[in-house]
Amino acid sequence: MLYIFESAFDEVEAVSREAREKLSGLEAVLKSTAESLQVLKDRLDQTASS
């Protein structure tokens, strides 16, 4: 799931500045979601290794 959000975030970064400005709200949501998923993944990995 994290891969999907990171890929979408990469796609948003690849578009032109003008288009990205129009998508800035989406970009912020995707970045926040990717960060949250990374934290969750790290916690799950930590729990699994304990």
N, C-alpha and C. Protein backbone atom coordinates (compact mmCIF):
# COMPACT_ATOMS: atom_id res chain seq x y z
N MET A 1 0.83 -1.19 0.00
CA MET A 1 0.00 0.00 0.00
C MET A 1 0.87 1.26 0.00
N LEU A 2 1.93 1.22 0.77
CA LEU A 2 2.85 2.35 0.81
C LEU A 2 3.41 2.60 -0.59
N TYR A 3 3.73 1.54 -1.31
CA TYR A 3 4.27 1.66 -2.66
C TYR A 3 3.30 2.41 -3.57
N ILE A 4 2.01 2.12 -3.45
CA ILE A 4 1.00 2.77 -4.28
C ILE A 4 1.00 4.27 -4.04
N PHE A 5 1.01 4.67 -2.76
CA PHE A 5 1.00 6.09 -2.45
C PHE A 5 2.30 6.77 -2.85
N GLU A 6 3.43 6.09 -2.66
CA GLU A 6 4.69 6.68 -3.07
C GLU A 6 4.75 6.85 -4.59
N SER A 7 4.22 5.87 -5.32
CA SER A 7 4.18 5.96 -6.78
C SER A 7 3.30 7.12 -7.23
N ALA A 8 2.15 7.27 -6.59
CA ALA A 8 1.26 8.38 -6.92
C ALA A 8 1.94 9.71 -6.62
N PHE A 9 2.64 9.78 -5.51
CA PHE A 9 3.35 11.00 -5.14
C PHE A 9 4.43 11.32 -6.17
N ASP A 10 5.15 10.29 -6.63
CA ASP A 10 6.16 10.49 -7.67
C ASP A 10 5.54 11.01 -8.95
N GLU A 11 4.38 10.50 -9.30
CA GLU A 11 3.68 10.96 -10.50
C GLU A 11 3.30 12.44 -10.37
N VAL A 12 2.84 12.84 -9.20
CA VAL A 12 2.48 14.24 -8.98
C VAL A 12 3.72 15.12 -9.10
N GLU A 13 4.85 14.65 -8.58
CA GLU A 13 6.08 15.44 -8.67
C GLU A 13 6.57 15.57 -10.11
N ALA A 14 6.22 14.61 -10.96
CA ALA A 14 6.71 14.59 -12.34
C ALA A 14 5.97 15.56 -13.26
N VAL A 15 4.81 16.04 -12.87
CA VAL A 15 4.05 16.95 -13.73
C VAL A 15 4.62 18.37 -13.64
N SER A 16 4.22 19.21 -14.58
CA SER A 16 4.74 20.57 -14.62
C SER A 16 4.36 21.36 -13.36
N ARG A 17 5.08 22.42 -13.13
CA ARG A 17 4.82 23.25 -11.95
C ARG A 17 3.40 23.79 -11.95
N GLU A 18 2.93 24.24 -13.10
CA GLU A 18 1.59 24.79 -13.18
C GLU A 18 0.54 23.74 -12.82
N ALA A 19 0.68 22.58 -13.38
CA ALA A 19 -0.26 21.50 -13.08
C ALA A 19 -0.14 21.08 -11.61
N ARG A 20 1.09 21.06 -11.11
CA ARG A 20 1.31 20.66 -9.71
C ARG A 20 0.67 21.65 -8.75
N GLU A 21 0.70 22.93 -9.09
CA GLU A 21 0.06 23.94 -8.24
C GLU A 21 -1.44 23.67 -8.14
N LYS A 22 -2.02 23.23 -9.24
CA LYS A 22 -3.45 22.90 -9.22
C LYS A 22 -3.72 21.66 -8.38
N LEU A 23 -2.71 20.80 -8.28
CA LEU A 23 -2.86 19.55 -7.53
C LEU A 23 -2.22 19.62 -6.14
N SER A 24 -1.91 20.81 -5.68
CA SER A 24 -1.16 20.94 -4.42
C SER A 24 -1.88 20.30 -3.24
N GLY A 25 -3.20 20.40 -3.21
CA GLY A 25 -3.94 19.76 -2.13
C GLY A 25 -3.78 18.25 -2.17
N LEU A 26 -3.85 17.68 -3.34
CA LEU A 26 -3.67 16.24 -3.52
C LEU A 26 -2.26 15.83 -3.14
N GLU A 27 -1.30 16.62 -3.54
CA GLU A 27 0.10 16.32 -3.23
C GLU A 27 0.31 16.28 -1.72
N ALA A 28 -0.26 17.24 -1.01
CA ALA A 28 -0.12 17.29 0.44
C ALA A 28 -0.76 16.08 1.10
N VAL A 29 -1.92 15.68 0.61
CA VAL A 29 -2.60 14.51 1.16
C VAL A 29 -1.78 13.25 0.90
N LEU A 30 -1.27 13.10 -0.32
CA LEU A 30 -0.48 11.91 -0.64
C LEU A 30 0.79 11.85 0.18
N LYS A 31 1.44 12.99 0.35
CA LYS A 31 2.68 13.01 1.14
C LYS A 31 2.39 12.65 2.59
N SER A 32 1.34 13.22 3.15
CA SER A 32 0.97 12.93 4.53
C SER A 32 0.61 11.46 4.70
N THR A 33 -0.14 10.92 3.75
CA THR A 33 -0.54 9.52 3.82
C THR A 33 0.67 8.61 3.72
N ALA A 34 1.58 8.92 2.81
CA ALA A 34 2.80 8.12 2.66
C ALA A 34 3.63 8.14 3.95
N GLU A 35 3.74 9.30 4.57
CA GLU A 35 4.48 9.40 5.82
C GLU A 35 3.81 8.59 6.93
N SER A 36 2.49 8.67 7.00
CA SER A 36 1.75 7.92 8.02
C SER A 36 1.89 6.42 7.80
N LEU A 37 1.82 6.00 6.55
CA LEU A 37 1.98 4.58 6.25
C LEU A 37 3.39 4.10 6.57
N GLN A 38 4.39 4.94 6.34
CA GLN A 38 5.76 4.57 6.68
C GLN A 38 5.92 4.39 8.18
N VAL A 39 5.31 5.28 8.96
CA VAL A 39 5.36 5.16 10.42
C VAL A 39 4.68 3.86 10.86
N LEU A 40 3.52 3.58 10.28
CA LEU A 40 2.81 2.35 10.61
C LEU A 40 3.64 1.13 10.25
N LYS A 41 4.25 1.13 9.06
CA LYS A 41 5.09 0.02 8.63
C LYS A 41 6.25 -0.18 9.60
N ASP A 42 6.90 0.92 10.00
CA ASP A 42 8.03 0.83 10.94
C ASP A 42 7.58 0.25 12.27
N ARG A 43 6.42 0.67 12.76
CA ARG A 43 5.90 0.14 14.02
C ARG A 43 5.57 -1.34 13.90
N LEU A 44 4.97 -1.73 12.77
CA LEU A 44 4.65 -3.13 12.58
C LEU A 44 5.91 -3.98 12.48
N ASP A 45 6.93 -3.47 11.78
CA ASP A 45 8.21 -4.19 11.70
C ASP A 45 8.84 -4.31 13.07
N GLN A 46 8.75 -3.26 13.86
CA GLN A 46 9.33 -3.28 15.21
C GLN A 46 8.60 -4.27 16.09
N THR A 47 7.26 -4.30 15.99
CA THR A 47 6.46 -5.24 16.77
C THR A 47 6.76 -6.67 16.35
N ALA A 48 6.92 -6.90 15.05
CA ALA A 48 7.16 -8.24 14.54
C ALA A 48 8.52 -8.76 14.98
N SER A 49 9.49 -7.86 15.14
CA SER A 49 10.83 -8.30 15.53
C SER A 49 11.02 -8.42 17.03
N SER A 50 10.02 -8.01 17.79
CA SER A 50 10.12 -8.09 19.26
C SER A 50 9.74 -9.46 19.76
